[in-house]
């Protein structure tokens, strides 16, 4: 989990979020769909569950909501600045600067994994290998709550909060098939259309609520 081992692309993506810092929470910290997704998960977790949050950002809302009710949270983010902010905001949780594609945890370490708009920062090949890796970290049964944007492009550059980042998107039927091929049962899914401003087209967000099967 050494940041010095990050690829050049990961370093470049991390540098963007280092620059964005607190601005990210100002814009996205009250994502109502993400909060609703977390409420879905909280209703199903046993007490004091171990939860891994991929792309933990500022720690709000995901890690804060989990820690507030006594769950053991490990947050992972590529940005050193996001890790600094999250440690201040959710001191009960553990935060690590690491690349999700190279994580090493013992098998069946977590009751649940959340990944809200974080895997889309990777190329498709890395998203798919990361999902395979994350599945090994889940207990059986365990939960995966995943959100992506819908589209059909791989590591495309887009403007984001005054910076430029690269993102990847799948058509909904492709990401659905990918999850099923990894033996995730999709318990529920939601499609949300976000109208950001008149200058940008509407964004379709996909939320998947999955359970890991043996």
N, C-alpha and C. Protein backbone atom coordinates (compact mmCIF):
# COMPACT_ATOMS: atom_id res chain seq x y z
N UNK A 1 0.82 -1.21 0.00
CA UNK A 1 0.00 0.00 0.00
C UNK A 1 0.85 1.26 0.00
N UNK A 2 2.09 1.15 -0.44
CA UNK A 2 3.02 2.28 -0.46
C UNK A 2 2.68 3.21 -1.62
N UNK A 3 2.36 4.51 -1.33
CA UNK A 3 2.06 5.44 -2.44
C UNK A 3 3.20 5.58 -3.44
N UNK A 4 4.42 5.28 -3.02
CA UNK A 4 5.55 5.37 -3.95
C UNK A 4 5.45 4.34 -5.07
N UNK A 5 4.61 3.34 -4.86
CA UNK A 5 4.45 2.30 -5.88
C UNK A 5 3.30 2.61 -6.85
N UNK A 6 2.63 3.75 -6.67
CA UNK A 6 1.53 4.12 -7.57
C UNK A 6 2.05 4.25 -9.00
N UNK A 7 1.19 3.89 -9.94
CA UNK A 7 1.51 4.13 -11.35
C UNK A 7 1.48 5.62 -11.63
N UNK A 8 2.02 6.03 -12.77
CA UNK A 8 1.99 7.44 -13.17
C UNK A 8 0.56 7.93 -13.27
N UNK A 9 -0.33 7.14 -13.84
CA UNK A 9 -1.73 7.56 -13.97
C UNK A 9 -2.38 7.75 -12.61
N UNK A 10 -2.09 6.86 -11.66
CA UNK A 10 -2.66 7.00 -10.32
C UNK A 10 -2.12 8.25 -9.65
N UNK A 11 -0.84 8.53 -9.78
CA UNK A 11 -0.26 9.76 -9.23
C UNK A 11 -0.96 10.99 -9.83
N UNK A 12 -1.23 10.95 -11.12
CA UNK A 12 -1.86 12.10 -11.78
C UNK A 12 -3.29 12.30 -11.27
N UNK A 13 -4.03 11.22 -11.12
CA UNK A 13 -5.39 11.32 -10.59
C UNK A 13 -5.37 11.81 -9.14
N UNK A 14 -4.43 11.29 -8.35
CA UNK A 14 -4.33 11.70 -6.95
C UNK A 14 -4.01 13.18 -6.83
N UNK A 15 -3.16 13.69 -7.70
CA UNK A 15 -2.78 15.10 -7.65
C UNK A 15 -3.98 16.01 -7.86
N UNK A 16 -4.92 15.58 -8.70
CA UNK A 16 -6.14 16.37 -8.92
C UNK A 16 -6.93 16.49 -7.62
N UNK A 17 -7.10 15.39 -6.91
CA UNK A 17 -7.89 15.42 -5.68
C UNK A 17 -7.13 16.11 -4.55
N UNK A 18 -5.80 16.09 -4.60
CA UNK A 18 -5.03 16.89 -3.64
C UNK A 18 -5.34 18.37 -3.82
N UNK A 19 -5.52 18.80 -5.07
CA UNK A 19 -5.83 20.20 -5.36
C UNK A 19 -7.27 20.54 -4.97
N UNK A 20 -8.18 19.63 -5.20
CA UNK A 20 -9.60 19.89 -4.93
C UNK A 20 -9.86 20.01 -3.43
N UNK A 21 -9.31 19.09 -2.64
CA UNK A 21 -9.41 19.14 -1.19
C UNK A 21 -10.83 19.30 -0.68
N UNK A 22 -11.02 20.28 0.21
CA UNK A 22 -12.31 20.51 0.86
C UNK A 22 -13.43 20.83 -0.12
N UNK A 23 -13.08 21.33 -1.31
CA UNK A 23 -14.10 21.68 -2.29
C UNK A 23 -14.95 20.46 -2.66
N UNK A 24 -14.35 19.28 -2.61
CA UNK A 24 -15.08 18.07 -2.97
C UNK A 24 -16.28 17.87 -2.04
N UNK A 25 -16.05 18.01 -0.75
CA UNK A 25 -17.15 17.81 0.20
C UNK A 25 -18.22 18.88 0.05
N UNK A 26 -17.81 20.10 -0.24
CA UNK A 26 -18.78 21.17 -0.42
C UNK A 26 -19.78 20.83 -1.52
N UNK A 27 -19.29 20.20 -2.58
CA UNK A 27 -20.13 19.88 -3.72
C UNK A 27 -20.83 18.52 -3.55
N UNK A 28 -20.12 17.52 -3.02
CA UNK A 28 -20.63 16.16 -3.04
C UNK A 28 -20.90 15.55 -1.66
N UNK A 29 -20.61 16.26 -0.60
CA UNK A 29 -20.75 15.68 0.73
C UNK A 29 -22.18 15.40 1.15
N UNK A 30 -23.15 16.00 0.44
CA UNK A 30 -24.55 15.76 0.75
C UNK A 30 -25.27 15.11 -0.42
N UNK A 31 -24.60 14.17 -1.07
CA UNK A 31 -25.21 13.43 -2.16
C UNK A 31 -26.34 12.57 -1.59
N UNK A 32 -27.58 12.97 -1.85
CA UNK A 32 -28.71 12.30 -1.22
C UNK A 32 -28.84 10.85 -1.65
N UNK A 33 -28.48 10.54 -2.89
CA UNK A 33 -28.55 9.15 -3.34
C UNK A 33 -27.51 8.29 -2.63
N UNK A 34 -26.34 8.85 -2.39
CA UNK A 34 -25.31 8.11 -1.67
C UNK A 34 -25.74 7.88 -0.22
N UNK A 35 -26.34 8.89 0.38
CA UNK A 35 -26.84 8.74 1.75
C UNK A 35 -27.93 7.68 1.81
N UNK A 36 -28.83 7.68 0.84
CA UNK A 36 -29.88 6.66 0.78
C UNK A 36 -29.28 5.27 0.61
N UNK A 37 -28.25 5.16 -0.21
CA UNK A 37 -27.57 3.87 -0.40
C UNK A 37 -26.94 3.39 0.90
N UNK A 38 -26.36 4.32 1.64
CA UNK A 38 -25.76 3.95 2.92
C UNK A 38 -26.82 3.51 3.93
N UNK A 39 -27.95 4.15 3.90
CA UNK A 39 -29.04 3.74 4.80
C UNK A 39 -29.49 2.32 4.48
N UNK A 40 -29.53 1.98 3.19
CA UNK A 40 -29.85 0.61 2.77
C UNK A 40 -28.87 -0.37 3.38
N UNK A 41 -27.58 -0.05 3.32
CA UNK A 41 -26.56 -0.94 3.85
C UNK A 41 -26.63 -1.03 5.37
N UNK A 42 -26.80 0.09 6.03
CA UNK A 42 -26.84 0.10 7.49
C UNK A 42 -27.97 -0.75 8.04
N UNK A 43 -29.05 -0.85 7.32
CA UNK A 43 -30.18 -1.67 7.76
C UNK A 43 -29.84 -3.16 7.74
N UNK A 44 -28.80 -3.54 7.01
CA UNK A 44 -28.49 -4.96 6.82
C UNK A 44 -27.23 -5.43 7.54
N UNK A 45 -26.40 -4.51 7.99
CA UNK A 45 -25.14 -4.90 8.61
C UNK A 45 -25.35 -5.37 10.05
N UNK A 46 -24.67 -6.43 10.45
CA UNK A 46 -24.68 -6.79 11.88
C UNK A 46 -23.89 -5.77 12.68
N UNK A 47 -24.12 -5.69 14.00
CA UNK A 47 -23.39 -4.72 14.82
C UNK A 47 -21.87 -4.90 14.69
N UNK A 48 -21.16 -3.80 14.81
CA UNK A 48 -19.69 -3.74 14.78
C UNK A 48 -19.11 -4.45 13.57
N UNK A 49 -19.73 -4.26 12.43
CA UNK A 49 -19.21 -4.86 11.19
C UNK A 49 -17.92 -4.18 10.76
N UNK A 50 -17.10 -4.91 10.01
CA UNK A 50 -15.90 -4.37 9.38
C UNK A 50 -16.26 -3.99 7.95
N UNK A 51 -16.05 -2.72 7.62
CA UNK A 51 -16.46 -2.21 6.31
C UNK A 51 -15.27 -1.52 5.65
N UNK A 52 -15.06 -1.81 4.38
CA UNK A 52 -14.01 -1.19 3.58
C UNK A 52 -14.65 -0.19 2.63
N UNK A 53 -14.19 1.06 2.70
CA UNK A 53 -14.71 2.11 1.81
C UNK A 53 -13.64 2.48 0.80
N UNK A 54 -13.89 2.16 -0.46
CA UNK A 54 -12.93 2.41 -1.54
C UNK A 54 -13.18 3.81 -2.10
N UNK A 55 -12.14 4.64 -2.11
CA UNK A 55 -12.31 6.02 -2.54
C UNK A 55 -13.03 6.81 -1.47
N UNK A 56 -12.49 6.79 -0.27
CA UNK A 56 -13.19 7.32 0.91
C UNK A 56 -13.26 8.84 0.94
N UNK A 57 -12.48 9.52 0.10
CA UNK A 57 -12.59 10.98 -0.01
C UNK A 57 -12.39 11.67 1.32
N UNK A 58 -13.30 12.58 1.65
CA UNK A 58 -13.19 13.35 2.90
C UNK A 58 -13.76 12.60 4.10
N UNK A 59 -14.25 11.39 3.88
CA UNK A 59 -14.85 10.63 4.96
C UNK A 59 -16.33 10.89 5.14
N UNK A 60 -16.86 11.82 4.37
CA UNK A 60 -18.27 12.23 4.49
C UNK A 60 -18.96 12.02 3.13
N UNK A 61 -20.09 11.33 3.10
CA UNK A 61 -20.85 10.84 4.26
C UNK A 61 -20.55 9.41 4.68
N UNK A 62 -19.89 8.61 3.84
CA UNK A 62 -19.88 7.16 4.05
C UNK A 62 -19.23 6.74 5.36
N UNK A 63 -17.95 7.06 5.54
CA UNK A 63 -17.26 6.62 6.75
C UNK A 63 -17.90 7.20 8.01
N UNK A 64 -18.33 8.46 7.93
CA UNK A 64 -18.95 9.09 9.10
C UNK A 64 -20.24 8.36 9.49
N UNK A 65 -21.07 8.01 8.51
CA UNK A 65 -22.32 7.31 8.82
C UNK A 65 -22.06 5.93 9.43
N UNK A 66 -21.08 5.23 8.92
CA UNK A 66 -20.75 3.90 9.44
C UNK A 66 -20.17 3.98 10.85
N UNK A 67 -19.21 4.88 11.05
CA UNK A 67 -18.56 5.00 12.36
C UNK A 67 -19.52 5.49 13.44
N UNK A 68 -20.48 6.32 13.02
CA UNK A 68 -21.42 6.90 13.99
C UNK A 68 -22.26 5.84 14.69
N UNK A 69 -22.45 4.69 14.05
CA UNK A 69 -23.26 3.64 14.68
C UNK A 69 -22.40 2.44 15.09
N UNK A 70 -21.08 2.67 15.20
CA UNK A 70 -20.21 1.68 15.82
C UNK A 70 -19.55 0.67 14.91
N UNK A 71 -19.62 0.87 13.60
CA UNK A 71 -18.94 -0.06 12.71
C UNK A 71 -17.45 0.27 12.61
N UNK A 72 -16.67 -0.73 12.29
CA UNK A 72 -15.21 -0.61 12.16
C UNK A 72 -14.90 -0.31 10.70
N UNK A 73 -14.48 0.92 10.41
CA UNK A 73 -14.35 1.38 9.03
C UNK A 73 -12.89 1.54 8.64
N UNK A 74 -12.55 1.01 7.47
CA UNK A 74 -11.26 1.25 6.85
C UNK A 74 -11.51 1.97 5.53
N UNK A 75 -11.03 3.19 5.41
CA UNK A 75 -11.18 3.96 4.19
C UNK A 75 -9.88 3.99 3.40
N UNK A 76 -9.99 3.89 2.10
CA UNK A 76 -8.82 3.87 1.21
C UNK A 76 -9.00 4.95 0.16
N UNK A 77 -7.95 5.74 -0.05
CA UNK A 77 -8.01 6.77 -1.09
C UNK A 77 -6.60 6.99 -1.63
N UNK A 78 -6.52 7.40 -2.90
CA UNK A 78 -5.20 7.63 -3.50
C UNK A 78 -4.64 9.01 -3.14
N UNK A 79 -5.50 9.91 -2.66
CA UNK A 79 -5.10 11.30 -2.41
C UNK A 79 -4.65 11.51 -0.97
N UNK A 80 -3.43 11.99 -0.79
CA UNK A 80 -2.92 12.28 0.55
C UNK A 80 -3.74 13.37 1.23
N UNK A 81 -4.19 14.35 0.47
CA UNK A 81 -4.99 15.42 1.05
C UNK A 81 -6.35 14.91 1.52
N UNK A 82 -6.97 14.05 0.75
CA UNK A 82 -8.24 13.46 1.18
C UNK A 82 -8.05 12.63 2.45
N UNK A 83 -6.97 11.91 2.54
CA UNK A 83 -6.69 11.12 3.74
C UNK A 83 -6.52 12.05 4.94
N UNK A 84 -5.82 13.15 4.76
CA UNK A 84 -5.63 14.11 5.86
C UNK A 84 -6.96 14.65 6.35
N UNK A 85 -7.82 15.04 5.42
CA UNK A 85 -9.12 15.61 5.79
C UNK A 85 -9.99 14.55 6.48
N UNK A 86 -10.00 13.35 5.92
CA UNK A 86 -10.88 12.31 6.48
C UNK A 86 -10.46 11.91 7.89
N UNK A 87 -9.17 11.90 8.17
CA UNK A 87 -8.71 11.57 9.53
C UNK A 87 -9.18 12.61 10.53
N UNK A 88 -9.25 13.86 10.12
CA UNK A 88 -9.74 14.92 10.99
C UNK A 88 -11.25 14.80 11.20
N UNK A 89 -11.97 14.44 10.14
CA UNK A 89 -13.43 14.45 10.21
C UNK A 89 -14.02 13.19 10.82
N UNK A 90 -13.34 12.07 10.64
CA UNK A 90 -13.86 10.80 11.18
C UNK A 90 -12.72 10.10 11.92
N UNK A 91 -12.34 10.61 13.09
CA UNK A 91 -11.18 10.05 13.79
C UNK A 91 -11.38 8.62 14.27
N UNK A 92 -12.63 8.15 14.33
CA UNK A 92 -12.89 6.77 14.77
C UNK A 92 -12.49 5.75 13.72
N UNK A 93 -12.37 6.17 12.47
CA UNK A 93 -12.09 5.25 11.37
C UNK A 93 -10.59 5.20 11.08
N UNK A 94 -10.20 4.21 10.30
CA UNK A 94 -8.82 4.06 9.83
C UNK A 94 -8.78 4.44 8.35
N UNK A 95 -7.83 5.29 7.97
CA UNK A 95 -7.72 5.71 6.57
C UNK A 95 -6.32 5.44 6.06
N UNK A 96 -6.26 4.88 4.85
CA UNK A 96 -4.99 4.48 4.25
C UNK A 96 -4.87 5.09 2.86
N UNK A 97 -3.70 5.65 2.55
CA UNK A 97 -3.44 6.10 1.19
C UNK A 97 -2.97 4.91 0.39
N UNK A 98 -3.81 4.46 -0.52
CA UNK A 98 -3.51 3.24 -1.27
C UNK A 98 -4.33 3.21 -2.55
N UNK A 99 -3.86 2.39 -3.49
CA UNK A 99 -4.54 2.17 -4.76
C UNK A 99 -5.39 0.90 -4.63
N UNK A 100 -6.68 1.01 -4.87
CA UNK A 100 -7.58 -0.13 -4.70
C UNK A 100 -7.17 -1.32 -5.56
N UNK A 101 -6.50 -1.06 -6.67
CA UNK A 101 -6.10 -2.14 -7.57
C UNK A 101 -4.96 -2.98 -7.00
N UNK A 102 -4.31 -2.48 -5.93
CA UNK A 102 -3.17 -3.22 -5.36
C UNK A 102 -3.33 -3.47 -3.86
N UNK A 103 -4.55 -3.46 -3.37
CA UNK A 103 -4.78 -3.67 -1.95
C UNK A 103 -4.44 -5.10 -1.53
N UNK A 104 -3.98 -5.24 -0.30
CA UNK A 104 -3.73 -6.56 0.26
C UNK A 104 -4.37 -6.64 1.64
N UNK A 105 -5.45 -7.37 1.73
CA UNK A 105 -6.09 -7.71 2.99
C UNK A 105 -6.29 -9.22 3.03
N UNK A 106 -6.43 -9.75 4.23
CA UNK A 106 -6.71 -11.18 4.35
C UNK A 106 -8.06 -11.50 3.73
N UNK A 107 -8.20 -12.70 3.20
CA UNK A 107 -9.51 -13.09 2.66
C UNK A 107 -10.60 -12.99 3.73
N UNK A 108 -11.79 -12.62 3.29
CA UNK A 108 -12.97 -12.54 4.17
C UNK A 108 -12.75 -11.60 5.35
N UNK A 109 -12.09 -10.48 5.12
CA UNK A 109 -11.80 -9.51 6.19
C UNK A 109 -12.98 -8.58 6.49
N UNK A 110 -13.91 -8.43 5.53
CA UNK A 110 -14.93 -7.40 5.68
C UNK A 110 -16.34 -7.94 5.47
N UNK A 111 -17.27 -7.36 6.24
CA UNK A 111 -18.68 -7.68 6.07
C UNK A 111 -19.27 -6.95 4.86
N UNK A 112 -18.67 -5.82 4.50
CA UNK A 112 -19.20 -5.04 3.38
C UNK A 112 -18.10 -4.17 2.79
N UNK A 113 -18.27 -3.85 1.50
CA UNK A 113 -17.38 -2.93 0.80
C UNK A 113 -18.24 -1.90 0.08
N UNK A 114 -17.86 -0.64 0.20
CA UNK A 114 -18.54 0.43 -0.54
C UNK A 114 -17.55 1.06 -1.52
N UNK A 115 -18.06 1.43 -2.67
CA UNK A 115 -17.23 2.08 -3.69
C UNK A 115 -18.11 3.06 -4.45
N UNK A 116 -18.21 4.28 -3.94
CA UNK A 116 -19.05 5.30 -4.54
C UNK A 116 -18.23 6.16 -5.51
N UNK A 117 -18.45 5.95 -6.80
CA UNK A 117 -17.82 6.75 -7.85
C UNK A 117 -16.29 6.78 -7.72
N UNK A 118 -15.71 5.68 -7.29
CA UNK A 118 -14.25 5.60 -7.15
C UNK A 118 -13.61 4.70 -8.20
N UNK A 119 -14.21 3.56 -8.46
CA UNK A 119 -13.62 2.66 -9.46
C UNK A 119 -13.63 3.27 -10.85
N UNK A 120 -14.53 4.21 -11.10
CA UNK A 120 -14.59 4.83 -12.43
C UNK A 120 -13.36 5.69 -12.73
N UNK A 121 -12.51 5.90 -11.73
CA UNK A 121 -11.27 6.64 -11.95
C UNK A 121 -10.18 5.76 -12.59
N UNK A 122 -10.49 4.50 -12.83
CA UNK A 122 -9.53 3.54 -13.40
C UNK A 122 -9.88 3.21 -14.84
N UNK A 123 -8.95 2.58 -15.52
CA UNK A 123 -9.24 1.99 -16.82
C UNK A 123 -10.08 0.72 -16.62
N UNK A 124 -10.78 0.32 -17.67
CA UNK A 124 -11.67 -0.84 -17.56
C UNK A 124 -10.94 -2.09 -17.09
N UNK A 125 -9.76 -2.34 -17.62
CA UNK A 125 -9.04 -3.55 -17.22
C UNK A 125 -8.76 -3.54 -15.72
N UNK A 126 -8.45 -2.37 -15.17
CA UNK A 126 -8.18 -2.28 -13.73
C UNK A 126 -9.46 -2.35 -12.91
N UNK A 127 -10.56 -1.81 -13.43
CA UNK A 127 -11.82 -1.92 -12.71
C UNK A 127 -12.19 -3.39 -12.53
N UNK A 128 -12.06 -4.15 -13.59
CA UNK A 128 -12.48 -5.54 -13.54
C UNK A 128 -11.57 -6.37 -12.64
N UNK A 129 -10.26 -6.12 -12.68
CA UNK A 129 -9.36 -6.86 -11.79
C UNK A 129 -9.54 -6.42 -10.34
N UNK A 130 -9.88 -5.15 -10.13
CA UNK A 130 -10.12 -4.66 -8.77
C UNK A 130 -11.37 -5.29 -8.18
N UNK A 131 -12.45 -5.39 -8.96
CA UNK A 131 -13.65 -6.06 -8.46
C UNK A 131 -13.36 -7.51 -8.09
N UNK A 132 -12.55 -8.19 -8.88
CA UNK A 132 -12.18 -9.56 -8.55
C UNK A 132 -11.41 -9.61 -7.23
N UNK A 133 -10.50 -8.66 -7.04
CA UNK A 133 -9.72 -8.60 -5.81
C UNK A 133 -10.61 -8.28 -4.61
N UNK A 134 -11.49 -7.31 -4.77
CA UNK A 134 -12.36 -6.91 -3.66
C UNK A 134 -13.25 -8.06 -3.21
N UNK A 135 -13.70 -8.86 -4.14
CA UNK A 135 -14.57 -9.99 -3.79
C UNK A 135 -13.88 -10.93 -2.80
N UNK A 136 -12.57 -11.09 -2.93
CA UNK A 136 -11.85 -11.99 -2.02
C UNK A 136 -11.80 -11.43 -0.60
N UNK A 137 -11.96 -10.11 -0.45
CA UNK A 137 -11.91 -9.50 0.88
C UNK A 137 -13.23 -9.62 1.63
N UNK A 138 -14.30 -9.99 0.92
CA UNK A 138 -15.63 -10.05 1.52
C UNK A 138 -15.89 -11.39 2.18
N UNK A 139 -16.55 -11.33 3.34
CA UNK A 139 -17.09 -12.53 3.92
C UNK A 139 -18.25 -13.01 3.07
N UNK A 140 -18.62 -14.27 3.25
CA UNK A 140 -19.74 -14.83 2.51
C UNK A 140 -20.85 -15.24 3.48
N UNK A 141 -22.04 -14.63 3.38
CA UNK A 141 -22.39 -13.55 2.45
C UNK A 141 -21.86 -12.21 2.94
N UNK A 142 -21.58 -11.33 2.02
CA UNK A 142 -21.16 -9.96 2.35
C UNK A 142 -21.75 -9.04 1.31
N UNK A 143 -21.69 -7.75 1.58
CA UNK A 143 -22.35 -6.77 0.70
C UNK A 143 -21.33 -5.91 -0.05
N UNK A 144 -21.67 -5.63 -1.29
CA UNK A 144 -20.95 -4.64 -2.09
C UNK A 144 -21.96 -3.59 -2.54
N UNK A 145 -21.70 -2.32 -2.21
CA UNK A 145 -22.51 -1.22 -2.72
C UNK A 145 -21.62 -0.41 -3.64
N UNK A 146 -21.99 -0.37 -4.91
CA UNK A 146 -21.15 0.20 -5.96
C UNK A 146 -21.94 1.26 -6.73
N UNK A 147 -21.29 2.37 -7.02
CA UNK A 147 -21.91 3.36 -7.91
C UNK A 147 -20.93 3.72 -9.03
N UNK A 148 -21.50 3.88 -10.21
CA UNK A 148 -20.74 4.24 -11.40
C UNK A 148 -21.58 5.25 -12.19
N UNK A 149 -20.99 5.80 -13.24
CA UNK A 149 -21.78 6.58 -14.18
C UNK A 149 -21.99 5.73 -15.44
N UNK A 150 -23.11 5.97 -16.11
CA UNK A 150 -23.39 5.20 -17.31
C UNK A 150 -22.81 5.89 -18.54
N UNK A 151 -22.25 5.10 -19.43
CA UNK A 151 -21.67 5.60 -20.67
C UNK A 151 -20.95 4.45 -21.35
N UNK A 152 -20.18 4.76 -22.34
CA UNK A 152 -19.43 3.72 -23.04
C UNK A 152 -18.08 4.29 -23.47
N UNK A 153 -17.21 4.49 -22.49
CA UNK A 153 -15.88 5.03 -22.78
C UNK A 153 -14.90 4.58 -21.70
N UNK A 154 -13.64 4.57 -22.07
CA UNK A 154 -12.58 4.04 -21.20
C UNK A 154 -11.52 5.12 -20.96
N UNK A 155 -11.49 5.61 -19.73
CA UNK A 155 -10.47 6.56 -19.28
C UNK A 155 -10.46 7.83 -20.13
N UNK A 156 -11.63 8.43 -20.21
CA UNK A 156 -11.81 9.65 -20.99
C UNK A 156 -11.60 10.88 -20.10
N UNK A 157 -10.92 11.88 -20.64
CA UNK A 157 -10.66 13.11 -19.87
C UNK A 157 -11.91 13.99 -19.85
N UNK A 158 -12.24 14.47 -18.64
CA UNK A 158 -13.40 15.36 -18.48
C UNK A 158 -13.04 16.48 -17.50
N UNK A 159 -13.71 17.64 -17.58
CA UNK A 159 -13.50 18.69 -16.58
C UNK A 159 -14.19 18.30 -15.27
N UNK A 160 -13.57 18.67 -14.14
CA UNK A 160 -14.12 18.29 -12.84
C UNK A 160 -13.65 19.29 -11.78
N UNK A 161 -14.57 20.11 -11.30
CA UNK A 161 -14.30 21.08 -10.24
C UNK A 161 -13.07 21.93 -10.55
N UNK A 162 -13.01 22.42 -11.78
CA UNK A 162 -11.90 23.28 -12.18
C UNK A 162 -10.63 22.55 -12.53
N UNK A 163 -10.63 21.22 -12.51
CA UNK A 163 -9.49 20.40 -12.87
C UNK A 163 -9.89 19.48 -14.02
N UNK A 164 -8.98 18.63 -14.43
CA UNK A 164 -9.28 17.60 -15.42
C UNK A 164 -8.95 16.24 -14.83
N UNK A 165 -9.90 15.30 -14.96
CA UNK A 165 -9.66 13.94 -14.51
C UNK A 165 -10.02 12.98 -15.64
N UNK A 166 -9.62 11.73 -15.48
CA UNK A 166 -9.98 10.69 -16.45
C UNK A 166 -10.97 9.74 -15.79
N UNK A 167 -12.02 9.41 -16.51
CA UNK A 167 -13.04 8.52 -15.96
C UNK A 167 -13.44 7.48 -17.00
N UNK A 168 -14.03 6.41 -16.47
CA UNK A 168 -14.47 5.29 -17.29
C UNK A 168 -15.95 5.03 -17.01
N UNK A 169 -16.69 4.64 -18.03
CA UNK A 169 -18.11 4.35 -17.85
C UNK A 169 -18.48 3.12 -18.67
N UNK A 170 -19.49 2.41 -18.17
CA UNK A 170 -20.03 1.24 -18.85
C UNK A 170 -21.51 1.46 -19.15
N UNK A 171 -22.03 0.85 -20.21
CA UNK A 171 -23.48 0.71 -20.33
C UNK A 171 -24.00 -0.14 -19.17
N UNK A 172 -25.20 0.14 -18.71
CA UNK A 172 -25.69 -0.54 -17.50
C UNK A 172 -25.74 -2.05 -17.66
N UNK A 173 -26.03 -2.55 -18.88
CA UNK A 173 -26.13 -4.00 -19.04
C UNK A 173 -24.75 -4.66 -18.95
N UNK A 174 -23.70 -3.92 -19.30
CA UNK A 174 -22.35 -4.49 -19.24
C UNK A 174 -21.87 -4.59 -17.79
N UNK A 175 -22.04 -3.53 -17.01
CA UNK A 175 -21.61 -3.59 -15.61
C UNK A 175 -22.47 -4.59 -14.84
N UNK A 176 -23.74 -4.71 -15.20
CA UNK A 176 -24.60 -5.71 -14.56
C UNK A 176 -24.08 -7.11 -14.84
N UNK A 177 -23.72 -7.39 -16.07
CA UNK A 177 -23.20 -8.71 -16.42
C UNK A 177 -21.86 -8.97 -15.74
N UNK A 178 -21.03 -7.94 -15.65
CA UNK A 178 -19.73 -8.09 -14.99
C UNK A 178 -19.91 -8.49 -13.53
N UNK A 179 -20.83 -7.85 -12.83
CA UNK A 179 -21.07 -8.19 -11.43
C UNK A 179 -21.60 -9.61 -11.30
N UNK A 180 -22.52 -9.99 -12.16
CA UNK A 180 -23.07 -11.34 -12.09
C UNK A 180 -22.02 -12.39 -12.42
N UNK A 181 -21.14 -12.09 -13.36
CA UNK A 181 -20.07 -13.03 -13.70
C UNK A 181 -19.12 -13.26 -12.54
N UNK A 182 -19.04 -12.29 -11.63
CA UNK A 182 -18.20 -12.42 -10.44
C UNK A 182 -18.95 -13.04 -9.27
N UNK A 183 -20.15 -13.58 -9.56
CA UNK A 183 -21.00 -14.24 -8.56
C UNK A 183 -21.56 -13.29 -7.51
N UNK A 184 -21.73 -12.02 -7.89
CA UNK A 184 -22.48 -11.10 -7.04
C UNK A 184 -23.97 -11.21 -7.41
N UNK A 185 -24.80 -11.35 -6.40
CA UNK A 185 -26.24 -11.28 -6.61
C UNK A 185 -26.66 -9.82 -6.44
N UNK A 186 -27.29 -9.26 -7.45
CA UNK A 186 -27.74 -7.87 -7.39
C UNK A 186 -29.11 -7.85 -6.71
N UNK A 187 -29.13 -7.38 -5.47
CA UNK A 187 -30.36 -7.36 -4.68
C UNK A 187 -31.26 -6.19 -5.10
N UNK A 188 -30.64 -5.12 -5.54
CA UNK A 188 -31.39 -3.94 -5.94
C UNK A 188 -30.47 -3.08 -6.79
N UNK A 189 -31.05 -2.22 -7.59
CA UNK A 189 -30.27 -1.25 -8.36
C UNK A 189 -31.12 0.00 -8.56
N UNK A 190 -30.44 1.12 -8.73
CA UNK A 190 -31.14 2.38 -8.93
C UNK A 190 -30.44 3.17 -10.02
N UNK A 191 -31.24 3.86 -10.81
CA UNK A 191 -30.72 4.71 -11.88
C UNK A 191 -31.17 6.13 -11.59
N UNK A 192 -30.20 7.03 -11.51
CA UNK A 192 -30.48 8.42 -11.15
C UNK A 192 -29.94 9.32 -12.25
N UNK A 193 -30.76 10.23 -12.74
CA UNK A 193 -30.31 11.21 -13.73
C UNK A 193 -30.04 12.53 -13.03
N UNK A 194 -28.79 12.98 -13.15
CA UNK A 194 -28.35 14.20 -12.48
C UNK A 194 -28.20 15.32 -13.52
N UNK A 195 -28.96 16.38 -13.34
CA UNK A 195 -28.85 17.56 -14.20
C UNK A 195 -27.93 18.56 -13.49
N UNK A 196 -26.67 18.62 -13.92
CA UNK A 196 -25.68 19.42 -13.19
C UNK A 196 -25.78 20.91 -13.53
N UNK A 197 -25.75 21.25 -14.79
CA UNK A 197 -25.93 22.63 -15.22
C UNK A 197 -26.23 22.63 -16.72
N UNK A 198 -26.55 23.81 -17.25
CA UNK A 198 -26.95 23.89 -18.66
C UNK A 198 -25.80 23.63 -19.61
N UNK A 199 -24.56 23.77 -19.13
CA UNK A 199 -23.41 23.61 -20.01
C UNK A 199 -23.01 22.15 -20.19
N UNK A 200 -23.45 21.27 -19.29
CA UNK A 200 -23.08 19.87 -19.36
C UNK A 200 -24.33 19.01 -19.53
N UNK A 201 -24.24 17.94 -20.31
CA UNK A 201 -25.40 17.07 -20.48
C UNK A 201 -25.73 16.35 -19.18
N UNK A 202 -26.96 15.87 -19.03
CA UNK A 202 -27.33 15.11 -17.82
C UNK A 202 -26.42 13.90 -17.64
N UNK A 203 -26.15 13.57 -16.39
CA UNK A 203 -25.30 12.43 -16.05
C UNK A 203 -26.18 11.33 -15.45
N UNK A 204 -26.06 10.13 -15.97
CA UNK A 204 -26.81 9.00 -15.43
C UNK A 204 -25.92 8.23 -14.45
N UNK A 205 -26.37 8.14 -13.21
CA UNK A 205 -25.64 7.45 -12.15
C UNK A 205 -26.29 6.09 -11.89
N UNK A 206 -25.47 5.07 -11.75
CA UNK A 206 -25.93 3.71 -11.52
C UNK A 206 -25.51 3.26 -10.12
N UNK A 207 -26.45 2.79 -9.34
CA UNK A 207 -26.18 2.27 -8.00
C UNK A 207 -26.55 0.80 -7.95
N UNK A 208 -25.61 -0.03 -7.50
CA UNK A 208 -25.84 -1.48 -7.41
C UNK A 208 -25.68 -1.92 -5.96
N UNK A 209 -26.64 -2.71 -5.50
CA UNK A 209 -26.66 -3.21 -4.13
C UNK A 209 -26.53 -4.72 -4.21
N UNK A 210 -25.35 -5.22 -3.91
CA UNK A 210 -25.01 -6.61 -4.22
C UNK A 210 -24.68 -7.41 -2.97
N UNK A 211 -24.83 -8.72 -3.11
CA UNK A 211 -24.41 -9.64 -2.05
C UNK A 211 -23.47 -10.65 -2.66
N UNK A 212 -22.40 -10.93 -1.94
CA UNK A 212 -21.40 -11.90 -2.39
C UNK A 212 -21.86 -13.30 -2.04
N UNK A 213 -21.91 -14.15 -3.03
CA UNK A 213 -22.35 -15.53 -2.83
C UNK A 213 -21.15 -16.47 -2.81
N UNK A 214 -21.30 -17.63 -2.20
CA UNK A 214 -20.18 -18.60 -2.16
C UNK A 214 -19.71 -18.99 -3.55
